[in-house]
């Protein structure tokens, strides 16, 4: 075989190999991943893969497809592939010049699964040149997924109670007024025949004759209208107050009742005048109101208003007479059953308790079983009131029985879709791993419910909106609030929150250890893990598989805790 023939064969072989993509040899150094450690945020694991095709590597007639793959024990999931083509290839992909090479960037998003906590990110590379397809070796780009947001625990959130409206003392107020003639202060008999005064006298008598009622006070406010000399009006208002008090004292004596009378008078009732004027259709009303705003001296005000002769006559006939008065407000306290009476009736004849009293009765017992017994009876006596159904659900939820709680919350929700049952169903939905739309639909109906902010904070964590989660939790001292602060990278605040948790548990100390890991504080990691594992030994395995602690697993002290 001559040299020319050999050279011809060698050139042909090189051309064939280059055409088949044999020169494509990507490895780890050609890729960067952001973030370097993958993280679950809002239920998604997102990664940006930046890469480079070095010069003289890309096959001119080839098409190369790169597919991200997240592998975990028991499975794998592929991300969106991205294809590239050489200068002489046919297609609509990004062109990579063979001589110069080129850069690329691709984004991948995976739905998070708990199994991904221990996982690896790879890229699969496939090239096609002509009729030849080649699968290149997979390249590992990253380890694991930080899934700290999934430490949120809806079962540690506070559900919303259906509170009773029981009040031991209910105040009933009866109001009346006595009108006086101009420049007079005597209480006229005709005024005492008004329906308001008759109702006032009846209320005094009823309070005396009813066992659970007592007069807590009588307020009297007497006035003169803002016309005439100030000195005269002051005397009139004072005299009207005195005569009104004397009349009331006579009525109290007749009824053999006791009650303190608090009395005061106002010489010229400009505030009352303004209020009546604003509600009237008096001609030149706007002009009179302007006079009131321009002048503070009462005599100057009166003089300026009197200049409006036609308007002043209407004022004298329709407004001023209503200001010559004494206003009376009688307050009677209705005293409800004592705690002892309520408990006794619940034990003997609960049907004698109204719905507020029997709901209140549950608060007089200490154990969940006792409370549930009261609420069960309430559902029988008052089946159209959702609160007892809701509160049985609360007892189940706080005991860790989410399925049982959900059944009761749904019964309450069926009755009236209360904001309390809506919030509690949102907590059940979060506990069961429901989608964000389901949780949000319930919370949209729960605004204003007690503990609403805590439930909203959980939703924000689920959505990956950590800043708003922190705002929603506010100053709460809870594991979930601290988790939001950790995710938002406010580690000093998270540490303070954890220190303030009233009853720290294994999760509290586990979060403390995470704060230590993120702030490179080994002492805090060890202290947190020791306390967490002491309360719940399962936390050792959890920490061993948690990427948060990956770099500390080679530390002998940490490793000994997790073994």
Protein backbone atom coordinates (compact mmCIF):
# COMPACT_ATOMS: atom_id res chain seq x y z
CA UNK A 1 0.00 0.00 0.00
CA UNK A 2 1.63 3.29 -1.07
CA UNK A 3 1.91 6.36 1.14
CA UNK A 4 -0.57 8.36 -0.95
CA UNK A 5 -3.27 5.74 -0.56
CA UNK A 6 -2.67 5.49 3.23
CA UNK A 7 -2.91 9.25 3.59
CA UNK A 8 -6.17 9.26 1.64
CA UNK A 9 -7.70 6.63 3.94
CA UNK A 10 -6.58 8.53 7.08
CA UNK A 11 -8.11 11.81 5.87
CA UNK A 12 -11.35 10.06 5.01
CA UNK A 13 -11.48 8.43 8.45
CA UNK A 14 -10.91 11.73 10.24
CA UNK A 15 -13.67 13.33 8.21
CA UNK A 16 -16.05 10.49 9.05
CA UNK A 17 -15.21 10.68 12.78
CA UNK A 18 -15.58 14.44 12.89
CA UNK A 19 -18.87 14.20 11.05
CA UNK A 20 -20.13 11.61 13.54
CA UNK A 21 -19.43 13.90 16.49
CA UNK A 22 -16.57 11.83 17.81
CA UNK A 23 -14.84 15.02 18.90
CA UNK A 24 -17.70 15.98 21.26
CA UNK A 25 -16.28 15.36 24.72
CA UNK A 26 -18.05 17.50 27.30
CA UNK A 27 -17.23 16.99 30.98
CA UNK A 28 -17.99 18.61 34.36
CA UNK A 29 -15.65 21.54 33.81
CA UNK A 30 -17.82 22.71 30.92
CA UNK A 31 -20.86 23.31 33.15
CA UNK A 32 -21.89 25.54 36.05
CA UNK A 33 -25.12 25.24 38.01
CA UNK A 34 -27.07 27.92 39.87
CA UNK A 35 -27.73 27.39 42.70
CA UNK A 36 -24.76 25.18 43.44
CA UNK A 37 -26.89 23.28 45.96
CA UNK A 38 -30.41 22.76 44.63
CA UNK A 39 -33.30 23.96 46.78
CA UNK A 40 -37.02 23.33 46.88
CA UNK A 41 -38.82 26.70 46.69
CA UNK A 42 -42.58 26.82 46.46
CA UNK A 43 -42.68 23.10 45.72
CA UNK A 44 -40.32 23.44 42.75
CA UNK A 45 -36.65 22.61 42.34
CA UNK A 46 -35.28 25.12 39.85
CA UNK A 47 -31.81 25.11 38.34
CA UNK A 48 -30.04 27.20 35.75
CA UNK A 49 -27.38 25.27 33.83
CA UNK A 50 -24.78 27.33 32.02
CA UNK A 51 -22.41 25.54 29.67
CA UNK A 52 -19.84 25.99 26.99
CA UNK A 53 -18.93 24.04 23.85
CA UNK A 54 -15.16 24.54 23.44
CA UNK A 55 -13.72 25.49 20.09
CA UNK A 56 -13.40 22.70 17.56
CA UNK A 57 -15.58 20.32 19.56
CA UNK A 58 -19.07 20.73 18.11
CA UNK A 59 -19.81 18.58 15.02
CA UNK A 60 -20.54 20.83 12.06
CA UNK A 61 -23.32 18.60 10.75
CA UNK A 62 -24.49 17.34 14.13
CA UNK A 63 -27.42 18.03 16.43
CA UNK A 64 -26.69 17.78 20.16
CA UNK A 65 -29.45 17.52 22.79
CA UNK A 66 -28.78 18.12 26.49
CA UNK A 67 -31.37 16.91 29.00
CA UNK A 68 -31.20 17.67 32.75
CA UNK A 69 -32.08 14.67 34.92
CA UNK A 70 -32.72 14.68 38.66
CA UNK A 71 -32.08 11.21 40.05
CA UNK A 72 -33.22 10.00 43.46
CA UNK A 73 -33.66 6.68 45.18
CA UNK A 74 -36.39 4.80 43.39
CA UNK A 75 -36.77 7.10 40.43
CA UNK A 76 -35.72 10.01 38.28
CA UNK A 77 -37.33 12.88 36.43
CA UNK A 78 -36.15 14.65 33.30
CA UNK A 79 -36.22 18.39 32.83
CA UNK A 80 -36.88 20.22 29.58
CA UNK A 81 -34.22 19.30 26.97
CA UNK A 82 -32.39 21.83 24.84
CA UNK A 83 -30.97 21.11 21.39
CA UNK A 84 -28.10 22.73 19.47
CA UNK A 85 -26.86 22.27 15.91
CA UNK A 86 -23.72 22.73 13.91
CA UNK A 87 -23.30 25.21 11.09
CA UNK A 88 -24.04 22.64 8.39
CA UNK A 89 -26.91 20.88 10.18
CA UNK A 90 -30.55 21.30 9.18
CA UNK A 91 -32.92 22.51 11.89
CA UNK A 92 -34.14 25.45 13.96
CA UNK A 93 -31.91 25.00 17.00
CA UNK A 94 -29.26 27.33 18.36
CA UNK A 95 -26.21 27.17 16.08
CA UNK A 96 -22.82 26.44 17.61
CA UNK A 97 -19.90 27.25 15.26
CA UNK A 98 -17.39 24.42 15.22
CA UNK A 99 -14.32 26.63 15.02
CA UNK A 100 -15.28 29.11 17.74
CA UNK A 101 -17.54 27.02 19.94
CA UNK A 102 -20.26 28.75 21.97
CA UNK A 103 -22.01 29.23 25.27
CA UNK A 104 -25.51 28.28 26.33
CA UNK A 105 -27.87 28.60 29.27
CA UNK A 106 -30.88 26.47 30.08
CA UNK A 107 -33.39 26.48 32.90
CA UNK A 108 -34.93 23.41 34.47
CA UNK A 109 -37.75 23.04 36.96
CA UNK A 110 -38.78 19.86 38.75
CA UNK A 111 -41.81 19.26 40.93
CA UNK A 112 -40.43 18.46 44.36
CA UNK A 113 -40.95 15.02 45.91
CA UNK A 114 -39.74 14.06 49.40
CA UNK A 115 -37.51 11.39 47.83
CA UNK A 116 -35.48 14.16 46.18
CA UNK A 117 -33.97 15.16 49.51
CA UNK A 118 -31.09 12.83 48.61
CA UNK A 119 -30.63 13.24 44.88
CA UNK A 120 -28.18 14.11 42.11
CA UNK A 121 -28.50 16.38 39.10
CA UNK A 122 -27.08 15.02 35.84
CA UNK A 123 -27.14 16.04 32.21
CA UNK A 124 -27.69 13.49 29.46
CA UNK A 125 -26.04 14.29 26.16
CA UNK A 126 -27.20 12.85 22.88
CA UNK A 127 -25.78 13.66 19.46
CA UNK A 128 -27.13 12.85 16.01
CA UNK A 129 -25.02 13.15 12.87
CA UNK A 130 -26.51 11.82 9.70
CA UNK A 131 -27.90 8.40 10.48
CA UNK A 132 -25.80 7.89 13.55
CA UNK A 133 -27.09 8.54 17.09
CA UNK A 134 -24.75 8.50 20.05
CA UNK A 135 -25.52 8.66 23.78
CA UNK A 136 -22.59 10.22 25.61
CA UNK A 137 -21.69 9.55 29.24
CA UNK A 138 -23.93 11.34 31.75
CA UNK A 139 -22.29 14.16 33.67
CA UNK A 140 -23.08 14.81 37.32
CA UNK A 141 -23.54 18.49 38.12
CA UNK A 142 -24.92 18.76 41.67
CA UNK A 143 -25.82 16.83 44.82
CA UNK A 144 -29.08 16.82 46.76
CA UNK A 145 -31.95 19.22 47.30
CA UNK A 146 -32.30 21.52 50.28
CA UNK A 147 -35.92 20.97 51.21
CA UNK A 148 -36.09 23.02 54.39
CA UNK A 149 -39.35 24.73 53.38
CA UNK A 150 -41.02 21.34 53.76
CA UNK A 151 -40.40 21.49 57.50
CA UNK A 152 -43.51 23.66 57.73
CA UNK A 153 -45.98 21.94 60.02
CA UNK A 154 -49.61 22.94 59.69
CA UNK A 155 -50.51 20.72 62.62
CA UNK A 156 -48.47 22.99 64.87
CA UNK A 157 -50.45 26.02 63.66
CA UNK A 158 -53.26 27.30 65.81
CA UNK A 159 -56.73 26.59 64.40
CA UNK A 160 -59.51 29.16 64.70
CA UNK A 161 -62.12 28.60 67.44
CA UNK A 162 -65.83 29.25 67.15
CA UNK A 163 -65.95 31.52 70.17
CA UNK A 164 -68.98 31.96 72.42
CA UNK A 165 -70.52 35.40 72.89
CA UNK A 166 -71.46 34.82 76.49
CA UNK A 167 -71.43 37.94 78.66
CA UNK A 168 -72.08 37.65 82.36
CA UNK A 169 -73.21 41.26 82.50
CA UNK A 170 -75.13 42.82 79.63
CA UNK A 171 -75.89 46.52 79.85
CA UNK A 172 -79.26 47.80 78.66
CA UNK A 173 -79.47 51.55 78.03
CA UNK A 174 -82.77 53.45 77.97
CA UNK A 175 -82.60 57.03 76.70
CA UNK A 176 -85.08 59.88 77.02
CA UNK A 177 -85.10 63.65 76.97
CA UNK A 178 -87.09 66.45 78.55
CA UNK A 179 -87.64 69.65 76.52
CA UNK A 180 -87.97 73.07 78.15
CA UNK A 181 -89.60 76.28 77.00
CA UNK A 182 -87.47 79.28 76.17
CA UNK A 183 -85.93 80.87 79.27
CA UNK A 184 -87.66 78.29 81.51
CA UNK A 185 -86.30 75.40 83.55
CA UNK A 186 -89.38 73.83 85.13
CA UNK A 187 -90.13 70.20 84.20
CA UNK A 188 -93.55 70.34 82.53
CA UNK A 189 -96.16 67.66 83.14
CA UNK A 190 -96.73 67.37 79.40
CA UNK A 191 -93.11 66.31 78.93
CA UNK A 192 -93.50 63.56 81.52
CA UNK A 193 -96.28 62.01 79.45
CA UNK A 194 -93.99 61.33 76.47
CA UNK A 195 -93.38 57.73 75.39
CA UNK A 196 -89.66 58.11 76.07
CA UNK A 197 -90.20 59.14 79.71
CA UNK A 198 -92.80 56.41 80.24
CA UNK A 199 -90.31 53.83 78.94
CA UNK A 200 -87.62 55.25 81.24
CA UNK A 201 -89.87 55.02 84.32
CA UNK A 202 -90.88 51.47 83.35
CA UNK A 203 -87.20 50.45 83.00
CA UNK A 204 -86.47 51.80 86.50
CA UNK A 205 -89.37 49.82 87.95
CA UNK A 206 -88.44 46.66 86.01
CA UNK A 207 -84.84 46.81 87.25
CA UNK A 208 -86.10 46.92 90.83
CA UNK A 209 -88.51 44.03 90.42
CA UNK A 210 -86.27 41.69 88.39
CA UNK A 211 -83.84 39.56 90.38
CA UNK A 212 -80.94 39.59 87.92
CA UNK A 213 -81.13 43.30 87.07
CA UNK A 214 -79.68 46.34 88.80
CA UNK A 215 -79.30 50.00 87.92
CA UNK A 216 -75.62 50.73 87.30
CA UNK A 217 -76.02 54.46 86.68
CA UNK A 218 -78.04 57.38 85.32
CA UNK A 219 -76.41 60.11 83.26
CA UNK A 220 -78.02 63.52 82.83
CA UNK A 221 -76.79 66.18 80.40
CA UNK A 222 -78.68 69.50 80.42
CA UNK A 223 -78.38 72.33 77.88
CA UNK A 224 -79.46 75.81 76.93
CA UNK A 225 -79.76 76.89 73.32
CA UNK A 226 -77.06 79.27 72.00
CA UNK A 227 -79.24 82.37 71.92
CA UNK A 228 -79.45 85.06 74.56
CA UNK A 229 -76.78 86.17 77.03
CA UNK A 230 -74.23 83.57 78.09
CA UNK A 231 -74.77 84.28 81.79
CA UNK A 232 -78.52 83.69 81.47
CA UNK A 233 -77.98 80.48 79.53
CA UNK A 234 -75.56 79.20 82.12
CA UNK A 235 -78.13 79.76 84.84
CA UNK A 236 -80.87 78.12 82.76
CA UNK A 237 -78.79 75.05 81.95
CA UNK A 238 -77.81 74.63 85.59
CA UNK A 239 -81.40 74.97 86.76
CA UNK A 240 -82.62 72.47 84.15
CA UNK A 241 -80.03 69.98 85.36
CA UNK A 242 -81.12 70.43 88.98
CA UNK A 243 -84.83 70.03 88.22
CA UNK A 244 -84.22 66.96 86.06
CA UNK A 245 -82.17 65.31 88.82
CA UNK A 246 -84.90 66.11 91.37
CA UNK A 247 -87.50 64.50 89.11
CA UNK A 248 -85.39 61.35 88.70
CA UNK A 249 -84.79 61.07 92.44
CA UNK A 250 -88.55 61.16 92.98
CA UNK A 251 -89.03 58.32 90.49
CA UNK A 252 -86.28 56.29 92.13
CA UNK A 253 -87.94 56.69 95.51
CA UNK A 254 -91.32 55.67 94.09
CA UNK A 255 -89.80 52.51 92.63
CA UNK A 256 -87.74 51.90 95.79
CA UNK A 257 -84.74 51.77 93.51
CA UNK A 258 -81.15 52.81 93.99
CA UNK A 259 -78.93 54.36 91.38
CA UNK A 260 -76.21 56.97 91.18
CA UNK A 261 -77.00 60.02 89.07
CA UNK A 262 -74.15 61.72 87.24
CA UNK A 263 -75.19 65.15 85.99
CA UNK A 264 -73.59 67.97 84.02
CA UNK A 265 -74.77 70.98 82.05
CA UNK A 266 -73.63 72.95 79.01
CA UNK A 267 -74.54 76.63 78.91
CA UNK A 268 -74.72 76.99 75.12
CA UNK A 269 -75.02 73.89 72.98
CA UNK A 270 -73.18 74.98 69.83
CA UNK A 271 -72.22 71.38 68.98
CA UNK A 272 -75.87 70.33 69.08
CA UNK A 273 -76.80 73.40 67.06
CA UNK A 274 -74.29 72.52 64.34
CA UNK A 275 -75.42 68.89 64.21
CA UNK A 276 -79.11 69.79 63.83
CA UNK A 277 -78.30 72.48 61.28
CA UNK A 278 -76.27 70.10 59.11
CA UNK A 279 -79.19 67.65 59.06
CA UNK A 280 -81.75 70.36 58.18
CA UNK A 281 -82.75 72.05 54.93
CA UNK A 282 -82.55 75.58 56.38
CA UNK A 283 -81.93 78.26 53.77
CA UNK A 284 -78.44 79.80 54.01
CA UNK A 285 -77.29 76.70 55.97
CA UNK A 286 -73.84 76.83 54.37
CA UNK A 287 -73.45 80.50 55.26
CA UNK A 288 -74.42 79.87 58.90
CA UNK A 289 -71.98 76.98 59.16
CA UNK A 290 -69.28 79.27 57.78
CA UNK A 291 -70.07 81.80 60.54
CA UNK A 292 -69.62 79.04 63.13
CA UNK A 293 -66.20 78.22 61.73
CA UNK A 294 -65.12 81.86 61.49
CA UNK A 295 -66.04 83.01 65.00
CA UNK A 296 -65.35 81.28 68.30
CA UNK A 297 -66.85 83.93 70.59
CA UNK A 298 -70.47 82.84 71.30
CA UNK A 299 -71.92 86.36 71.43
CA UNK A 300 -70.25 87.31 68.13
CA UNK A 301 -71.56 84.10 66.55
CA UNK A 302 -75.09 84.88 67.67
CA UNK A 303 -74.87 88.47 66.44
CA UNK A 304 -73.64 87.41 62.99
CA UNK A 305 -76.34 84.74 62.65
CA UNK A 306 -79.07 87.20 63.66
CA UNK A 307 -78.02 89.43 60.77
CA UNK A 308 -79.43 86.70 58.51
CA UNK A 309 -82.97 87.71 59.50
CA UNK A 310 -84.98 85.26 57.38
CA UNK A 311 -82.76 82.34 58.27
CA UNK A 312 -82.71 83.24 61.95
CA UNK A 313 -86.52 83.04 62.18
CA UNK A 314 -86.40 79.46 60.87
CA UNK A 315 -83.64 78.67 63.38
CA UNK A 316 -85.71 80.11 66.21
CA UNK A 317 -88.76 78.07 65.23
CA UNK A 318 -87.18 74.73 64.20
CA UNK A 319 -83.67 74.34 65.60
CA UNK A 320 -83.27 76.24 68.86
CA UNK A 321 -86.28 74.72 70.71
CA UNK A 322 -84.75 71.25 70.32
CA UNK A 323 -81.61 72.40 72.13
CA UNK A 324 -83.39 73.46 75.35
CA UNK A 325 -83.30 70.06 76.94
CA UNK A 326 -82.04 67.49 79.42
CA UNK A 327 -80.84 64.17 78.01
CA UNK A 328 -81.21 61.15 80.27
CA UNK A 329 -79.49 57.77 79.85
CA UNK A 330 -80.43 54.96 82.26
CA UNK A 331 -78.06 51.95 82.31
CA UNK A 332 -79.35 48.68 83.74
CA UNK A 333 -77.05 45.67 84.12
CA UNK A 334 -78.56 42.28 83.34
CA UNK A 335 -76.54 39.75 85.34
CA UNK A 336 -76.21 36.30 83.81
CA UNK A 337 -75.66 32.88 85.34
CA UNK A 338 -72.54 32.23 87.38
CA UNK A 339 -69.96 29.62 86.35
CA UNK A 340 -71.26 27.32 89.06
CA UNK A 341 -74.85 27.70 87.85
CA UNK A 342 -73.87 27.00 84.25
CA UNK A 343 -71.92 23.85 85.16
CA UNK A 344 -74.74 22.63 87.37
CA UNK A 345 -77.33 23.14 84.63
CA UNK A 346 -75.15 21.39 82.08
CA UNK A 347 -74.98 18.41 84.38
CA UNK A 348 -78.71 18.35 85.22
CA UNK A 349 -80.63 19.96 82.36
CA UNK A 350 -78.44 21.39 79.56
CA UNK A 351 -81.50 22.33 77.49
CA UNK A 352 -82.05 25.23 79.91
CA UNK A 353 -78.82 26.81 78.69
CA UNK A 354 -78.92 29.01 75.61
CA UNK A 355 -76.34 28.44 72.90
CA UNK A 356 -73.94 31.09 74.21
CA UNK A 357 -74.11 29.71 77.73
CA UNK A 358 -73.49 26.10 76.71
CA UNK A 359 -70.60 27.06 74.42
CA UNK A 360 -69.16 29.03 77.33
CA UNK A 361 -69.64 25.97 79.55
CA UNK A 362 -66.95 24.15 77.56
CA UNK A 363 -64.40 26.75 78.67
CA UNK A 364 -65.07 25.81 82.30
CA UNK A 365 -63.56 22.35 81.78
CA UNK A 366 -59.86 21.61 81.46
CA UNK A 367 -59.47 18.37 79.48
CA UNK A 368 -60.15 17.93 75.75
CA UNK A 369 -62.49 15.01 76.52
CA UNK A 370 -64.62 17.13 78.87
CA UNK A 371 -64.76 19.98 76.37
CA UNK A 372 -65.72 17.63 73.56
CA UNK A 373 -68.56 16.23 75.67
CA UNK A 374 -69.99 19.75 76.02
CA UNK A 375 -69.62 20.47 72.30
CA UNK A 376 -71.21 17.15 71.35
CA UNK A 377 -74.26 18.05 73.44
CA UNK A 378 -74.32 21.49 71.86
CA UNK A 379 -74.51 19.99 68.37
CA UNK A 380 -77.58 18.05 69.48
CA UNK A 381 -79.35 21.01 71.07
CA UNK A 382 -78.29 23.61 68.47
CA UNK A 383 -77.59 21.72 65.21
CA UNK A 384 -77.79 24.88 63.10
CA UNK A 385 -74.92 26.59 64.93
CA UNK A 386 -71.57 25.74 63.35
CA UNK A 387 -69.36 26.67 66.29
CA UNK A 388 -69.62 23.45 68.29
CA UNK A 389 -68.93 21.36 65.17
CA UNK A 390 -65.90 23.55 64.46
CA UNK A 391 -64.62 23.26 68.02
CA UNK A 392 -64.84 19.46 68.04
CA UNK A 393 -62.73 19.62 64.89
CA UNK A 394 -60.21 21.79 66.76
CA UNK A 395 -59.90 19.18 69.50
CA UNK A 396 -59.26 16.46 66.91
CA UNK A 397 -56.80 18.63 64.97
CA UNK A 398 -54.77 19.51 68.06
CA UNK A 399 -54.62 15.80 68.92
CA UNK A 400 -53.07 15.08 65.50
CA UNK A 401 -56.20 13.51 63.97
CA UNK A 402 -56.33 15.58 60.77
CA UNK A 403 -58.79 13.28 59.00
CA UNK A 404 -61.18 13.31 61.95
CA UNK A 405 -60.83 17.08 62.34
CA UNK A 406 -61.54 17.62 58.65
CA UNK A 407 -64.85 15.74 58.96
CA UNK A 408 -66.05 18.07 61.72
CA UNK A 409 -64.75 21.21 60.02
CA UNK A 410 -66.62 20.21 56.86
CA UNK A 411 -69.83 19.81 58.89
CA UNK A 412 -69.34 23.30 60.29
CA UNK A 413 -68.54 24.67 56.82
CA UNK A 414 -71.71 23.12 55.41
CA UNK A 415 -73.82 25.01 57.95
CA UNK A 416 -72.59 28.54 57.29
CA UNK A 417 -69.12 28.66 55.65
CA UNK A 418 -67.82 30.59 58.64
CA UNK A 419 -64.41 32.21 58.49
CA UNK A 420 -63.30 29.92 61.33
CA UNK A 421 -64.18 26.65 59.58
CA UNK A 422 -62.70 28.03 56.34
CA UNK A 423 -59.37 28.72 58.01
CA UNK A 424 -59.34 25.31 59.67
CA UNK A 425 -60.07 23.53 56.41
CA UNK A 426 -57.12 25.44 54.94
CA UNK A 427 -54.90 24.00 57.69
CA UNK A 428 -56.20 20.50 56.92
CA UNK A 429 -55.50 21.06 53.23
CA UNK A 430 -51.91 22.10 53.96
CA UNK A 431 -51.47 19.08 56.26
CA UNK A 432 -52.69 16.78 53.50
CA UNK A 433 -50.42 18.33 50.87
CA UNK A 434 -53.19 19.96 48.84
CA UNK A 435 -52.30 22.38 46.05
CA UNK A 436 -51.96 26.09 46.73
CA UNK A 437 -55.18 26.96 44.90
CA UNK A 438 -57.23 24.81 47.30
CA UNK A 439 -55.60 26.36 50.36
CA UNK A 440 -55.98 29.87 48.97
CA UNK A 441 -59.68 29.35 48.21
CA UNK A 442 -60.36 28.55 51.86
CA UNK A 443 -58.20 31.38 53.17
CA UNK A 444 -59.99 33.88 50.94
CA UNK A 445 -63.07 33.15 53.06
CA UNK A 446 -61.19 33.24 56.37
CA UNK A 447 -60.00 36.86 56.57
CA UNK A 448 -60.55 38.23 60.06
CA UNK A 449 -60.62 34.82 61.74
CA UNK A 450 -58.54 34.31 64.85
CA UNK A 451 -55.07 32.92 63.95
CA UNK A 452 -55.56 33.90 60.29
CA UNK A 453 -52.04 35.33 60.01
CA UNK A 454 -50.40 32.04 60.96
CA UNK A 455 -52.33 30.11 58.31
CA UNK A 456 -51.53 32.78 55.72
CA UNK A 457 -47.84 32.51 56.60
CA UNK A 458 -47.95 28.78 55.85
CA UNK A 459 -49.50 29.43 52.45
CA UNK A 460 -46.76 31.93 51.62
CA UNK A 461 -44.11 29.35 52.56
CA UNK A 462 -45.81 26.81 50.28
CA UNK A 463 -45.75 29.37 47.47
CA UNK A 464 -42.07 30.14 48.06
CA UNK A 465 -42.84 33.75 49.00
CA UNK A 466 -40.71 33.83 52.12
CA UNK A 467 -40.64 37.60 52.65
CA UNK A 468 -44.43 37.78 52.85
CA UNK A 469 -44.47 34.69 55.05
CA UNK A 470 -42.27 36.54 57.56
CA UNK A 471 -44.64 39.53 57.45
CA UNK A 472 -47.69 37.33 57.94
CA UNK A 473 -46.28 35.63 61.04
CA UNK A 474 -45.29 38.98 62.52
CA UNK A 475 -43.97 38.61 66.07
CA UNK A 476 -45.25 35.07 66.59
CA UNK A 477 -42.85 32.85 68.52
CA UNK A 478 -43.42 29.55 66.76
CA UNK A 479 -41.53 26.94 64.76
CA UNK A 480 -43.32 27.96 61.58
CA UNK A 481 -42.49 31.64 62.08
CA UNK A 482 -38.82 30.77 62.64
CA UNK A 483 -38.85 28.56 59.53
CA UNK A 484 -40.06 31.51 57.43
CA UNK A 485 -37.24 33.65 58.81
CA UNK A 486 -34.65 30.93 58.04
CA UNK A 487 -35.93 30.63 54.48
CA UNK A 488 -35.76 34.41 54.15
CA UNK A 489 -32.15 34.20 55.44
CA UNK A 490 -32.84 36.34 58.53
CA UNK A 491 -30.93 34.03 60.85
CA UNK A 492 -30.59 36.37 63.82
CA UNK A 493 -34.34 36.91 63.92
CA UNK A 494 -34.96 33.17 63.52
CA UNK A 495 -32.66 32.45 66.46
CA UNK A 496 -34.55 34.95 68.63
CA UNK A 497 -37.89 33.48 67.58
CA UNK A 498 -36.80 29.94 68.43
CA UNK A 499 -35.56 31.11 71.82
CA UNK A 500 -39.03 32.52 72.48
CA UNK A 501 -41.02 29.39 71.62
CA UNK A 502 -43.08 28.66 74.73
CA UNK A 503 -42.87 24.87 74.54
CA UNK A 504 -39.85 23.95 72.40
CA UNK A 505 -39.94 20.48 70.85
CA UNK A 506 -37.75 18.33 68.62
CA UNK A 507 -38.61 20.48 65.59
CA UNK A 508 -37.67 23.65 67.47
CA UNK A 509 -34.19 22.34 68.20
CA UNK A 510 -33.81 20.91 64.69
CA UNK A 511 -34.43 24.39 63.29
CA UNK A 512 -31.86 25.73 65.75
CA UNK A 513 -29.34 23.29 64.29
CA UNK A 514 -30.17 24.48 60.77
CA UNK A 515 -29.52 28.08 61.83
CA UNK A 516 -26.16 26.86 63.14
CA UNK A 517 -25.36 25.10 59.86
CA UNK A 518 -26.23 28.15 57.80
CA UNK A 519 -24.15 30.45 60.00
CA UNK A 520 -21.20 28.04 60.33
CA UNK A 521 -21.73 27.69 64.06
CA UNK A 522 -20.82 24.11 64.93
CA UNK A 523 -21.61 24.53 68.63
CA UNK A 524 -25.17 25.53 67.77
CA UNK A 525 -25.51 22.59 65.39
CA UNK A 526 -24.37 20.11 68.04
CA UNK A 527 -26.54 21.65 70.77
CA UNK A 528 -29.62 21.75 68.53
CA UNK A 529 -29.21 18.19 67.24
CA UNK A 530 -28.55 16.78 70.71
CA UNK A 531 -31.74 18.30 72.10
CA UNK A 532 -33.78 17.42 69.02
CA UNK A 533 -32.68 13.78 69.00
CA UNK A 534 -33.21 13.51 72.75
CA UNK A 535 -36.88 14.41 72.25
CA UNK A 536 -37.31 12.40 69.05
CA UNK A 537 -34.64 9.82 68.07
CA UNK A 538 -35.99 9.78 64.48
CA UNK A 539 -34.42 13.22 64.05
CA UNK A 540 -30.98 11.57 63.78
CA UNK A 541 -31.87 9.83 60.51
CA UNK A 542 -33.63 12.97 59.29
CA UNK A 543 -30.50 15.07 59.85
CA UNK A 544 -28.24 12.44 58.26
CA UNK A 545 -30.24 12.73 55.05
CA UNK A 546 -30.60 16.50 55.17
CA UNK A 547 -28.36 18.44 52.77
CA UNK A 548 -28.37 21.31 55.30
CA UNK A 549 -25.86 19.27 57.33
CA UNK A 550 -23.98 17.60 54.44
CA UNK A 551 -20.66 19.33 54.97
CA UNK A 552 -20.71 18.52 58.69
CA UNK A 553 -21.21 14.78 58.26
CA UNK A 554 -17.42 14.31 58.13
CA UNK A 555 -17.11 15.97 61.54
CA UNK A 556 -16.65 13.26 64.18
CA UNK A 557 -18.79 14.96 66.81
CA UNK A 558 -21.71 15.57 64.44
CA UNK A 559 -21.38 12.14 62.85
CA UNK A 560 -21.52 10.46 66.27
CA UNK A 561 -24.86 12.13 66.97
CA UNK A 562 -26.36 10.84 63.74
CA UNK A 563 -25.07 7.29 63.84
